[in-house]
Amino acid sequence: MQTPNRYTDLSAFLAKRFSQKVQKISIHAGFTCPNRDGTVGYGGCTYCNNQTFNPTYCRTEKPIVQQMEEGKRFFSRKYPQMKYMAYFQAYTNTYDELEDLRRKYEEALAVEDVVGIVIGTRPDCMPDELLDYLDELNRCTFVAVEYGVESTDDETLKRIRRGHTYQTAVETVWRTAARGIWTGIHLILGLPGEERDRIIGEAAEISRLPIASLKLHQLQLVKGTRMAEEFAEHPETFHLYTAEEYVELVVDFLERLRSDIVVDRFVSQSPKSLLLAPDWGLKNFEFTEKVKRRLKERNTWQGRKFAESSSLLHIR
């Protein structure tokens, strides 16, 4: 039996927003990244290997419609009446000319039973003209933009070669939310150099932003990344959390997180063939159950230690 939630989860939001069950289908649309092609850097972020993001049906050589239809077949076996959202996930999905972006987004939205679009991108890749278009699109379908923020600390962002500052993320989140677009961010908990208290403090920091959703990721060391090389050279500069340590970290984080922020997930799961550490042997839903149980054991909940600010502007 599942443990009742003491946090605001995505499924509850989707159940209120849509009359049928909704599933995101990941799309690899052939984008690259300004942190790879020399615009802001080469080689990407030190932790990044995009092979960890995509399911088997999600391949750039396949047309977007084919990826969507294969994704639908994969999920419809369990829920025949399901609806779908096109999730542009791999690399930077706003990093192209506006007309090319429009074509790809609208190709996905034209697939039968698709009721919305989720766009993963960087906070330094959202020009105003694209926001104008997404504002229009949001009037006729569900639009969500998820920004990879990863940390609120500029020294950490430099260390992982992110190529933007936290202030850039702050400004872009506000610009996006001001259009009424569902705005989410991603954070990686446990990046090298960040102490536990600093990580927990990020919850209050991001709660000042007009974000609607949050994805948390544990730090994972993945083959083929610069961070894996750094760990091999200087393992003493890293703290790789055990599953139980990370559960406690997440619960402490949730207590300080604004209560209305939808928590999309707590962990990510890299393929075993690529994962170096930590290997907890847990599926995402199993880890989520651990968080739910620990919240109950501690008799706590999301936002319990967050002091609501009357000056916070909620934009939805």
C-alpha atoms as a PDB file:
ATOM      1  CA  MET A   1       0.000   0.000   0.000  1.00  0.00           C
ATOM      2  CA  GLN A   2       1.322   3.434  -0.882  1.00  0.00           C
ATOM      3  CA  THR A   3       2.065   5.937   1.858  1.00  0.00           C
ATOM      4  CA  PRO A   4      -0.067   9.136   1.690  1.00  0.00           C
ATOM      5  CA  ASN A   5       1.693  12.239   0.421  1.00  0.00           C
ATOM      6  CA  ARG A   6       2.889  15.052   2.656  1.00  0.00           C
ATOM      7  CA  TYR A   7       4.173  17.028  -0.294  1.00  0.00           C
ATOM      8  CA  THR A   8       2.664  18.502  -3.480  1.00  0.00           C
ATOM      9  CA  ASP A   9       3.213  15.932  -6.192  1.00  0.00           C
ATOM     10  CA  LEU A  10       2.820  16.048  -9.964  1.00  0.00           C
ATOM     11  CA  SER A  11       0.142  13.367 -10.239  1.00  0.00           C
ATOM     12  CA  ALA A  12      -2.207  15.373  -8.004  1.00  0.00           C
ATOM     13  CA  PHE A  13      -1.746  18.434 -10.200  1.00  0.00           C
ATOM     14  CA  LEU A  14      -2.316  16.461 -13.404  1.00  0.00           C
ATOM     15  CA  ALA A  15      -5.453  14.873 -11.975  1.00  0.00           C
ATOM     16  CA  LYS A  16      -6.887  18.337 -11.306  1.00  0.00           C
ATOM     17  CA  ARG A  17      -5.826  19.763 -14.664  1.00  0.00           C
ATOM     18  CA  PHE A  18      -6.790  16.871 -16.974  1.00  0.00           C
ATOM     19  CA  SER A  19      -9.787  14.539 -16.996  1.00  0.00           C
ATOM     20  CA  GLN A  20      -7.674  11.515 -18.032  1.00  0.00           C
ATOM     21  CA  LYS A  21      -4.310  10.137 -17.011  1.00  0.00           C
ATOM     22  CA  VAL A  22      -1.459  12.033 -18.701  1.00  0.00           C
ATOM     23  CA  GLN A  23       2.015  10.729 -19.481  1.00  0.00           C
ATOM     24  CA  LYS A  24       5.053  12.633 -20.738  1.00  0.00           C
ATOM     25  CA  ILE A  25       6.777  11.193 -23.823  1.00  0.00           C
ATOM     26  CA  SER A  26      10.425  12.152 -24.203  1.00  0.00           C
ATOM     27  CA  ILE A  27      11.584  13.495 -27.557  1.00  0.00           C
ATOM     28  CA  HIS A  28      15.104  13.903 -28.877  1.00  0.00           C
ATOM     29  CA  ALA A  29      14.643  16.611 -31.501  1.00  0.00           C
ATOM     30  CA  GLY A  30      18.265  16.952 -32.597  1.00  0.00           C
ATOM     31  CA  PHE A  31      19.158  20.072 -30.630  1.00  0.00           C
ATOM     32  CA  THR A  32      22.632  20.824 -29.350  1.00  0.00           C
ATOM     33  CA  CYS A  33      23.768  23.128 -26.542  1.00  0.00           C
ATOM     34  CA  PRO A  34      25.582  26.484 -26.370  1.00  0.00           C
ATOM     35  CA  ASN A  35      27.852  24.879 -23.799  1.00  0.00           C
ATOM     36  CA  ARG A  36      28.987  22.357 -26.406  1.00  0.00           C
ATOM     37  CA  ASP A  37      29.259  24.267 -29.670  1.00  0.00           C
ATOM     38  CA  GLY A  38      31.483  27.072 -28.371  1.00  0.00           C
ATOM     39  CA  THR A  39      28.870  29.760 -27.805  1.00  0.00           C
ATOM     40  CA  VAL A  40      29.522  29.670 -24.055  1.00  0.00           C
ATOM     41  CA  GLY A  41      31.814  26.648 -23.857  1.00  0.00           C
ATOM     42  CA  TYR A  42      32.922  23.282 -25.217  1.00  0.00           C
ATOM     43  CA  GLY A  43      32.334  19.797 -23.900  1.00  0.00           C
ATOM     44  CA  GLY A  44      29.189  20.558 -21.927  1.00  0.00           C
ATOM     45  CA  CYS A  45      28.666  20.604 -18.169  1.00  0.00           C
ATOM     46  CA  THR A  46      31.068  18.396 -16.244  1.00  0.00           C
ATOM     47  CA  TYR A  47      28.320  16.007 -15.081  1.00  0.00           C
ATOM     48  CA  CYS A  48      26.497  15.676 -18.417  1.00  0.00           C
ATOM     49  CA  ASN A  49      26.129  12.634 -20.611  1.00  0.00           C
ATOM     50  CA  ASN A  50      22.846  13.011 -22.494  1.00  0.00           C
ATOM     51  CA  GLN A  51      22.641   9.271 -23.136  1.00  0.00           C
ATOM     52  CA  THR A  52      21.346   9.032 -19.575  1.00  0.00           C
ATOM     53  CA  PHE A  53      18.188  11.012 -20.423  1.00  0.00           C
ATOM     54  CA  ASN A  54      16.487   9.115 -23.201  1.00  0.00           C
ATOM     55  CA  PRO A  55      14.327   5.982 -23.322  1.00  0.00           C
ATOM     56  CA  THR A  56      14.857   3.442 -26.117  1.00  0.00           C
ATOM     57  CA  TYR A  57      12.188   4.912 -28.405  1.00  0.00           C
ATOM     58  CA  CYS A  58      13.782   8.374 -28.195  1.00  0.00           C
ATOM     59  CA  ARG A  59      16.425   8.672 -30.936  1.00  0.00           C
ATOM     60  CA  THR A  60      17.362  11.741 -32.940  1.00  0.00           C
ATOM     61  CA  GLU A  61      17.417   9.839 -36.259  1.00  0.00           C
ATOM     62  CA  LYS A  62      13.676   9.182 -35.885  1.00  0.00           C
ATOM     63  CA  PRO A  63      11.165  11.877 -36.886  1.00  0.00           C
ATOM     64  CA  ILE A  64       9.362  13.548 -34.000  1.00  0.00           C
ATOM     65  CA  VAL A  65       6.031  11.977 -34.967  1.00  0.00           C
ATOM     66  CA  GLN A  66       7.596   8.508 -34.974  1.00  0.00           C
ATOM     67  CA  GLN A  67       9.106   9.053 -31.523  1.00  0.00           C
ATOM     68  CA  MET A  68       5.721  10.212 -30.231  1.00  0.00           C
ATOM     69  CA  GLU A  69       3.827   7.269 -31.743  1.00  0.00           C
ATOM     70  CA  GLU A  70       6.332   4.740 -30.407  1.00  0.00           C
ATOM     71  CA  GLY A  71       6.122   6.365 -26.990  1.00  0.00           C
ATOM     72  CA  LYS A  72       2.342   6.192 -27.095  1.00  0.00           C
ATOM     73  CA  ARG A  73       2.439   2.483 -27.938  1.00  0.00           C
ATOM     74  CA  PHE A  74       4.848   1.889 -25.072  1.00  0.00           C
ATOM     75  CA  PHE A  75       2.570   3.499 -22.479  1.00  0.00           C
ATOM     76  CA  SER A  76      -0.868   2.669 -23.891  1.00  0.00           C
ATOM     77  CA  ARG A  77      -0.501  -1.024 -23.097  1.00  0.00           C
ATOM     78  CA  LYS A  78      -1.143  -0.186 -19.463  1.00  0.00           C
ATOM     79  CA  TYR A  79      -3.529   2.763 -19.886  1.00  0.00           C
ATOM     80  CA  PRO A  80      -5.363   2.598 -23.260  1.00  0.00           C
ATOM     81  CA  GLN A  81      -7.257   5.857 -22.615  1.00  0.00           C
ATOM     82  CA  MET A  82      -4.174   7.862 -21.686  1.00  0.00           C
ATOM     83  CA  LYS A  83      -3.368  11.363 -22.965  1.00  0.00           C
ATOM     84  CA  TYR A  84       0.156  12.609 -23.549  1.00  0.00           C
ATOM     85  CA  MET A  85       2.495  15.567 -23.277  1.00  0.00           C
ATOM     86  CA  ALA A  86       5.418  15.952 -25.661  1.00  0.00           C
ATOM     87  CA  TYR A  87       8.557  16.312 -23.550  1.00  0.00           C
ATOM     88  CA  PHE A  88      11.446  17.957 -25.398  1.00  0.00           C
ATOM     89  CA  GLN A  89      14.135  16.715 -23.049  1.00  0.00           C
ATOM     90  CA  ALA A  90      17.619  16.116 -24.443  1.00  0.00           C
ATOM     91  CA  TYR A  91      20.071  19.018 -24.673  1.00  0.00           C
ATOM     92  CA  THR A  92      18.778  22.611 -25.021  1.00  0.00           C
ATOM     93  CA  ASN A  93      15.330  22.569 -26.603  1.00  0.00           C
ATOM     94  CA  THR A  94      15.045  26.300 -27.253  1.00  0.00           C
ATOM     95  CA  TYR A  95      18.432  26.615 -28.937  1.00  0.00           C
ATOM     96  CA  ASP A  96      17.475  27.129 -32.572  1.00  0.00           C
ATOM     97  CA  GLU A  97      15.837  29.593 -34.915  1.00  0.00           C
ATOM     98  CA  LEU A  98      12.269  30.459 -33.972  1.00  0.00           C
ATOM     99  CA  GLU A  99      10.716  29.003 -37.131  1.00  0.00           C
ATOM    100  CA  ASP A 100      12.506  25.680 -36.641  1.00  0.00           C
ATOM    101  CA  LEU A 101      11.376  25.587 -33.025  1.00  0.00           C
ATOM    102  CA  ARG A 102       7.775  26.310 -34.005  1.00  0.00           C
ATOM    103  CA  ARG A 103       7.836  23.536 -36.595  1.00  0.00           C
ATOM    104  CA  LYS A 104       9.148  20.937 -34.146  1.00  0.00           C
ATOM    105  CA  TYR A 105       6.854  21.903 -31.276  1.00  0.00           C
ATOM    106  CA  GLU A 106       3.775  21.985 -33.486  1.00  0.00           C
ATOM    107  CA  GLU A 107       4.676  18.693 -35.138  1.00  0.00           C
ATOM    108  CA  ALA A 108       4.590  17.042 -31.727  1.00  0.00           C
ATOM    109  CA  LEU A 109       1.404  18.815 -30.672  1.00  0.00           C
ATOM    110  CA  ALA A 110      -0.372  17.677 -33.831  1.00  0.00           C
ATOM    111  CA  VAL A 111      -0.085  14.006 -32.820  1.00  0.00           C
ATOM    112  CA  GLU A 112      -3.417  12.548 -31.701  1.00  0.00           C
ATOM    113  CA  ASP A 113      -4.076  12.550 -27.926  1.00  0.00           C
ATOM    114  CA  VAL A 114      -1.267  15.037 -27.195  1.00  0.00           C
ATOM    115  CA  VAL A 115      -2.606  17.645 -24.771  1.00  0.00           C
ATOM    116  CA  GLY A 116       0.479  19.681 -23.980  1.00  0.00           C
ATOM    117  CA  ILE A 117       4.180  20.293 -24.333  1.00  0.00           C
ATOM    118  CA  VAL A 118       7.064  20.376 -21.849  1.00  0.00           C
ATOM    119  CA  ILE A 119      10.277  22.079 -22.944  1.00  0.00           C
ATOM    120  CA  GLY A 120      13.560  21.488 -21.157  1.00  0.00           C
ATOM    121  CA  THR A 121      16.176  24.181 -21.650  1.00  0.00           C
ATOM    122  CA  ARG A 122      18.796  26.483 -20.134  1.00  0.00           C
ATOM    123  CA  PRO A 123      17.989  29.865 -18.559  1.00  0.00           C
ATOM    124  CA  ASP A 124      20.366  31.607 -20.957  1.00  0.00           C
ATOM    125  CA  CYS A 125      18.471  30.311 -24.001  1.00  0.00           C
ATOM    126  CA  MET A 126      15.047  31.975 -23.768  1.00  0.00           C
ATOM    127  CA  PRO A 127      14.802  35.061 -26.009  1.00  0.00           C
ATOM    128  CA  ASP A 128      11.776  37.317 -25.693  1.00  0.00           C
ATOM    129  CA  GLU A 129      10.546  36.464 -29.195  1.00  0.00           C
ATOM    130  CA  LEU A 130      10.322  32.795 -28.216  1.00  0.00           C
ATOM    131  CA  LEU A 131       8.479  33.717 -25.034  1.00  0.00           C
ATOM    132  CA  ASP A 132       6.040  35.692 -27.199  1.00  0.00           C
ATOM    133  CA  TYR A 133       5.360  32.557 -29.227  1.00  0.00           C
ATOM    134  CA  LEU A 134       5.049  30.302 -26.170  1.00  0.00           C
ATOM    135  CA  ASP A 135       2.651  32.825 -24.657  1.00  0.00           C
ATOM    136  CA  GLU A 136       0.420  32.443 -27.735  1.00  0.00           C
ATOM    137  CA  LEU A 137       0.752  28.663 -27.698  1.00  0.00           C
ATOM    138  CA  ASN A 138      -0.151  28.563 -24.016  1.00  0.00           C
ATOM    139  CA  ARG A 139      -3.554  30.029 -24.846  1.00  0.00           C
ATOM    140  CA  CYS A 140      -4.573  26.892 -26.750  1.00  0.00           C
ATOM    141  CA  THR A 141      -2.684  24.061 -25.054  1.00  0.00           C
ATOM    142  CA  PHE A 142      -0.727  23.327 -21.884  1.00  0.00           C
ATOM    143  CA  VAL A 143       2.827  24.679 -22.058  1.00  0.00           C
ATOM    144  CA  ALA A 144       5.519  24.096 -19.438  1.00  0.00           C
ATOM    145  CA  VAL A 145       9.133  25.258 -19.527  1.00  0.00           C
ATOM    146  CA  GLU A 146      11.705  23.561 -17.299  1.00  0.00           C
ATOM    147  CA  TYR A 147      15.021  25.302 -16.716  1.00  0.00           C
ATOM    148  CA  GLY A 148      18.174  23.500 -15.704  1.00  0.00           C
ATOM    149  CA  VAL A 149      19.327  25.736 -12.870  1.00  0.00           C
ATOM    150  CA  GLU A 150      21.233  22.958 -11.020  1.00  0.00           C
ATOM    151  CA  SER A 151      22.553  25.200  -8.222  1.00  0.00           C
ATOM    152  CA  THR A 152      21.936  28.630  -6.711  1.00  0.00           C
ATOM    153  CA  ASP A 153      25.663  29.067  -6.014  1.00  0.00           C
ATOM    154  CA  ASP A 154      27.755  30.782  -8.681  1.00  0.00           C
ATOM    155  CA  GLU A 155      30.979  29.120  -7.540  1.00  0.00           C
ATOM    156  CA  THR A 156      29.365  25.719  -8.020  1.00  0.00           C
ATOM    157  CA  LEU A 157      28.059  26.754 -11.443  1.00  0.00           C
ATOM    158  CA  LYS A 158      31.589  27.730 -12.443  1.00  0.00           C
ATOM    159  CA  ARG A 159      33.006  24.473 -11.123  1.00  0.00           C
ATOM    160  CA  ILE A 160      30.574  22.358 -13.137  1.00  0.00           C
ATOM    161  CA  ARG A 161      31.145  24.609 -16.184  1.00  0.00           C
ATOM    162  CA  ARG A 162      27.485  25.474 -16.457  1.00  0.00           C
ATOM    163  CA  GLY A 163      28.127  28.648 -18.435  1.00  0.00           C
ATOM    164  CA  HIS A 164      25.554  30.916 -16.770  1.00  0.00           C
ATOM    165  CA  THR A 165      25.029  32.557 -13.396  1.00  0.00           C
ATOM    166  CA  TYR A 166      22.225  32.041 -10.916  1.00  0.00           C
ATOM    167  CA  GLN A 167      21.067  35.609 -11.549  1.00  0.00           C
ATOM    168  CA  THR A 168      20.487  34.689 -15.189  1.00  0.00           C
ATOM    169  CA  ALA A 169      18.220  31.897 -14.005  1.00  0.00           C
ATOM    170  CA  VAL A 170      16.352  34.213 -11.632  1.00  0.00           C
ATOM    171  CA  GLU A 171      15.673  36.763 -14.357  1.00  0.00           C
ATOM    172  CA  THR A 172      14.567  34.153 -16.894  1.00  0.00           C
ATOM    173  CA  VAL A 173      12.225  32.420 -14.450  1.00  0.00           C
ATOM    174  CA  TRP A 174      10.528  35.735 -13.692  1.00  0.00           C
ATOM    175  CA  ARG A 175      10.223  36.604 -17.390  1.00  0.00           C
ATOM    176  CA  THR A 176       8.666  33.226 -18.145  1.00  0.00           C
ATOM    177  CA  ALA A 177       6.261  33.098 -15.218  1.00  0.00           C
ATOM    178  CA  ALA A 178       5.132  36.645 -15.967  1.00  0.00           C
ATOM    179  CA  ARG A 179       3.647  35.288 -19.227  1.00  0.00           C
ATOM    180  CA  GLY A 180       1.484  32.846 -17.289  1.00  0.00           C
ATOM    181  CA  ILE A 181       3.573  29.897 -18.520  1.00  0.00           C
ATOM    182  CA  TRP A 182       4.041  26.958 -16.155  1.00  0.00           C
ATOM    183  CA  THR A 183       7.654  27.387 -15.045  1.00  0.00           C
ATOM    184  CA  GLY A 184       9.791  24.690 -13.471  1.00  0.00           C
ATOM    185  CA  ILE A 185      13.427  24.303 -12.502  1.00  0.00           C
ATOM    186  CA  HIS A 186      15.862  21.438 -11.946  1.00  0.00           C
ATOM    187  CA  LEU A 187      18.386  21.254  -9.091  1.00  0.00           C
ATOM    188  CA  ILE A 188      21.149  18.720  -8.471  1.00  0.00           C
ATOM    189  CA  LEU A 189      21.615  18.013  -4.763  1.00  0.00           C
ATOM    190  CA  GLY A 190      25.102  17.017  -3.651  1.00  0.00           C
ATOM    191  CA  LEU A 191      27.289  18.768  -6.208  1.00  0.00           C
ATOM    192  CA  PRO A 192      30.981  18.852  -5.213  1.00  0.00           C
ATOM    193  CA  GLY A 193      31.875  21.666  -2.849  1.00  0.00           C
ATOM    194  CA  GLU A 194      28.344  22.144  -1.521  1.00  0.00           C
ATOM    195  CA  GLU A 195      27.903  21.357   2.151  1.00  0.00           C
ATOM    196  CA  ARG A 196      24.669  19.953   3.508  1.00  0.00           C
ATOM    197  CA  ASP A 197      23.470  23.202   5.114  1.00  0.00           C
ATOM    198  CA  ARG A 198      24.137  25.067   1.880  1.00  0.00           C
ATOM    199  CA  ILE A 199      22.061  22.556  -0.075  1.00  0.00           C
ATOM    200  CA  ILE A 200      19.131  22.769   2.335  1.00  0.00           C
ATOM    201  CA  GLY A 201      19.288  26.551   2.154  1.00  0.00           C
ATOM    202  CA  GLU A 202      18.592  26.393  -1.571  1.00  0.00           C
ATOM    203  CA  ALA A 203      14.993  25.437  -0.772  1.00  0.00           C
ATOM    204  CA  ALA A 204      14.231  28.852   0.712  1.00  0.00           C
ATOM    205  CA  GLU A 205      16.171  30.557  -2.076  1.00  0.00           C
ATOM    206  CA  ILE A 206      14.189  29.001  -4.922  1.00  0.00           C
ATOM    207  CA  SER A 207      10.928  29.412  -2.981  1.00  0.00           C
ATOM    208  CA  ARG A 208      11.275  33.159  -3.562  1.00  0.00           C
ATOM    209  CA  LEU A 209      10.924  32.526  -7.291  1.00  0.00           C
ATOM    210  CA  PRO A 210       7.543  32.247  -9.052  1.00  0.00           C
ATOM    211  CA  ILE A 211       8.134  28.605  -9.973  1.00  0.00           C
ATOM    212  CA  ALA A 212       5.323  26.113 -10.308  1.00  0.00           C
ATOM    213  CA  SER A 213       7.383  22.915 -10.211  1.00  0.00           C
ATOM    214  CA  LEU A 214      10.716  21.464  -9.164  1.00  0.00           C
ATOM    215  CA  LYS A 215      12.737  18.422 -10.151  1.00  0.00           C
ATOM    216  CA  LEU A 216      15.460  17.252  -7.789  1.00  0.00           C
ATOM    217  CA  HIS A 217      18.315  15.043  -8.945  1.00  0.00           C
ATOM    218  CA  GLN A 218      20.892  13.305  -6.796  1.00  0.00           C
ATOM    219  CA  LEU A 219      24.481  13.719  -7.912  1.00  0.00           C
ATOM    220  CA  GLN A 220      25.435  10.774 -10.124  1.00  0.00           C
ATOM    221  CA  LEU A 221      28.841  10.053 -11.586  1.00  0.00           C
ATOM    222  CA  VAL A 222      28.411   8.909 -15.161  1.00  0.00           C
ATOM    223  CA  LYS A 223      30.907   7.384 -17.568  1.00  0.00           C
ATOM    224  CA  GLY A 224      32.242   9.682 -20.241  1.00  0.00           C
ATOM    225  CA  THR A 225      31.970  12.882 -18.184  1.00  0.00           C
ATOM    226  CA  ARG A 226      34.583  15.299 -16.911  1.00  0.00           C
ATOM    227  CA  MET A 227      33.142  14.943 -13.399  1.00  0.00           C
ATOM    228  CA  ALA A 228      33.867  11.207 -13.437  1.00  0.00           C
ATOM    229  CA  GLU A 229      37.483  12.047 -14.239  1.00  0.00           C
ATOM    230  CA  GLU A 230      37.575  14.616 -11.417  1.00  0.00           C
ATOM    231  CA  PHE A 231      36.265  12.030  -8.973  1.00  0.00           C
ATOM    232  CA  ALA A 232      38.929   9.528 -10.036  1.00  0.00           C
ATOM    233  CA  GLU A 233      41.608  12.193  -9.503  1.00  0.00           C
ATOM    234  CA  HIS A 234      40.270  13.743  -6.263  1.00  0.00           C
ATOM    235  CA  PRO A 235      37.581  11.579  -4.627  1.00  0.00           C
ATOM    236  CA  GLU A 236      38.076  13.402  -1.328  1.00  0.00           C
ATOM    237  CA  THR A 237      36.358  16.507  -2.782  1.00  0.00           C
ATOM    238  CA  PHE A 238      33.092  14.621  -3.297  1.00  0.00           C
ATOM    239  CA  HIS A 239      30.438  13.367  -0.907  1.00  0.00           C
ATOM    240  CA  LEU A 240      28.329  10.673  -2.539  1.00  0.00           C
ATOM    241  CA  TYR A 241      25.195  10.280  -0.451  1.00  0.00           C
ATOM    242  CA  THR A 242      23.878   6.893   0.547  1.00  0.00           C
ATOM    243  CA  ALA A 243      20.193   6.358  -0.163  1.00  0.00           C
ATOM    244  CA  GLU A 244      19.294   6.862   3.498  1.00  0.00           C
ATOM    245  CA  GLU A 245      21.402  10.029   3.768  1.00  0.00           C
ATOM    246  CA  TYR A 246      19.749  11.405   0.671  1.00  0.00           C
ATOM    247  CA  VAL A 247      16.266  10.633   2.014  1.00  0.00           C
ATOM    248  CA  GLU A 248      17.052  12.748   5.090  1.00  0.00           C
ATOM    249  CA  LEU A 249      18.459  15.515   2.882  1.00  0.00           C
ATOM    250  CA  VAL A 250      15.307  15.546   0.738  1.00  0.00           C
ATOM    251  CA  VAL A 251      13.009  15.651   3.780  1.00  0.00           C
ATOM    252  CA  ASP A 252      14.962  18.554   5.284  1.00  0.00           C
ATOM    253  CA  PHE A 253      14.808  20.293   1.897  1.00  0.00           C
ATOM    254  CA  LEU A 254      11.053  19.760   1.568  1.00  0.00           C
ATOM    255  CA  GLU A 255      10.404  21.246   4.986  1.00  0.00           C
ATOM    256  CA  ARG A 256      11.901  24.531   3.774  1.00  0.00           C
ATOM    257  CA  LEU A 257      10.270  24.510   0.338  1.00  0.00           C
ATOM    258  CA  ARG A 258       7.205  26.641  -0.409  1.00  0.00           C
ATOM    259  CA  SER A 259       4.194  24.390   0.014  1.00  0.00           C
ATOM    260  CA  ASP A 260       2.519  25.017  -3.353  1.00  0.00           C
ATOM    261  CA  ILE A 261       5.517  24.071  -5.515  1.00  0.00           C
ATOM    262  CA  VAL A 262       4.826  20.807  -7.347  1.00  0.00           C
ATOM    263  CA  VAL A 263       7.663  18.350  -6.730  1.00  0.00           C
ATOM    264  CA  ASP A 264       7.959  16.388  -9.955  1.00  0.00           C
ATOM    265  CA  ARG A 265      10.612  13.964  -8.709  1.00  0.00           C
ATOM    266  CA  PHE A 266      13.351  13.457  -6.132  1.00  0.00           C
ATOM    267  CA  VAL A 267      15.877  11.362  -8.048  1.00  0.00           C
ATOM    268  CA  SER A 268      17.021  10.542 -11.553  1.00  0.00           C
ATOM    269  CA  GLN A 269      18.066   7.117 -12.761  1.00  0.00           C
ATOM    270  CA  SER A 270      21.008   6.701 -15.115  1.00  0.00           C
ATOM    271  CA  PRO A 271      21.389   3.442 -17.081  1.00  0.00           C
ATOM    272  CA  LYS A 272      23.445   0.893 -15.161  1.00  0.00           C
ATOM    273  CA  SER A 273      25.778   0.595 -18.138  1.00  0.00           C
ATOM    274  CA  LEU A 274      26.765   4.253 -17.656  1.00  0.00           C
ATOM    275  CA  LEU A 275      26.435   4.756 -13.902  1.00  0.00           C
ATOM    276  CA  LEU A 276      29.629   4.710 -11.848  1.00  0.00           C
ATOM    277  CA  ALA A 277      28.227   5.802  -8.456  1.00  0.00           C
ATOM    278  CA  PRO A 278      26.201   5.879  -6.320  1.00  0.00           C
ATOM    279  CA  ASP A 279      24.264   2.743  -7.257  1.00  0.00           C
ATOM    280  CA  TRP A 280      21.416   2.452  -4.749  1.00  0.00           C
ATOM    281  CA  GLY A 281      19.579  -0.338  -6.537  1.00  0.00           C
ATOM    282  CA  LEU A 282      16.304   1.583  -6.192  1.00  0.00           C
ATOM    283  CA  LYS A 283      13.755   2.548  -8.812  1.00  0.00           C
ATOM    284  CA  ASN A 284      12.396   6.082  -8.666  1.00  0.00           C
ATOM    285  CA  PHE A 285       9.045   5.010  -7.183  1.00  0.00           C
ATOM    286  CA  GLU A 286      10.820   2.979  -4.500  1.00  0.00           C
ATOM    287  CA  PHE A 287      12.850   5.999  -3.444  1.00  0.00           C
ATOM    288  CA  THR A 288       9.703   8.139  -3.430  1.00  0.00           C
ATOM    289  CA  GLU A 289       8.061   5.689  -1.042  1.00  0.00           C
ATOM    290  CA  LYS A 290      11.046   6.024   1.278  1.00  0.00           C
ATOM    291  CA  VAL A 291      10.617   9.805   1.302  1.00  0.00           C
ATOM    292  CA  LYS A 292       6.888   9.485   2.022  1.00  0.00           C
ATOM    293  CA  ARG A 293       7.511   7.092   4.903  1.00  0.00           C
ATOM    294  CA  ARG A 294      10.209   9.307   6.390  1.00  0.00           C
ATOM    295  CA  LEU A 295       7.962  12.368   6.216  1.00  0.00           C
ATOM    296  CA  LYS A 296       5.347  10.412   8.129  1.00  0.00           C
ATOM    297  CA  GLU A 297       7.858   9.093  10.684  1.00  0.00           C
ATOM    298  CA  ARG A 298       9.087  12.620  11.340  1.00  0.00           C
ATOM    299  CA  ASN A 299       5.527  13.970  11.315  1.00  0.00           C
ATOM    300  CA  THR A 300       6.552  16.686   8.905  1.00  0.00           C
ATOM    301  CA  TRP A 301       5.555  17.986   5.470  1.00  0.00           C
ATOM    302  CA  GLN A 302       6.520  20.280   2.618  1.00  0.00           C
ATOM    303  CA  GLY A 303       6.715  23.872   3.758  1.00  0.00           C
ATOM    304  CA  ARG A 304       6.578  23.195   7.501  1.00  0.00           C
ATOM    305  CA  LYS A 305       9.634  25.374   8.089  1.00  0.00           C
ATOM    306  CA  PHE A 306       9.062  27.842   5.273  1.00  0.00           C
ATOM    307  CA  ALA A 307       7.988  31.300   6.372  1.00  0.00           C
ATOM    308  CA  GLU A 308       5.556  32.542   3.733  1.00  0.00           C
ATOM    309  CA  SER A 309       6.442  36.035   2.543  1.00  0.00           C
ATOM    310  CA  SER A 310       3.606  38.456   1.916  1.00  0.00           C
ATOM    311  CA  SER A 311       5.751  40.081  -0.745  1.00  0.00           C
ATOM    312  CA  LEU A 312       6.027  36.905  -2.835  1.00  0.00           C
ATOM    313  CA  LEU A 313       4.240  37.291  -6.148  1.00  0.00           C
ATOM    314  CA  HIS A 314       2.494  34.078  -7.169  1.00  0.00           C
ATOM    315  CA  ILE A 315       2.131  33.865 -10.930  1.00  0.00           C
ATOM    316  CA  ARG A 316       0.352  30.924 -12.536  1.00  0.00           C
END
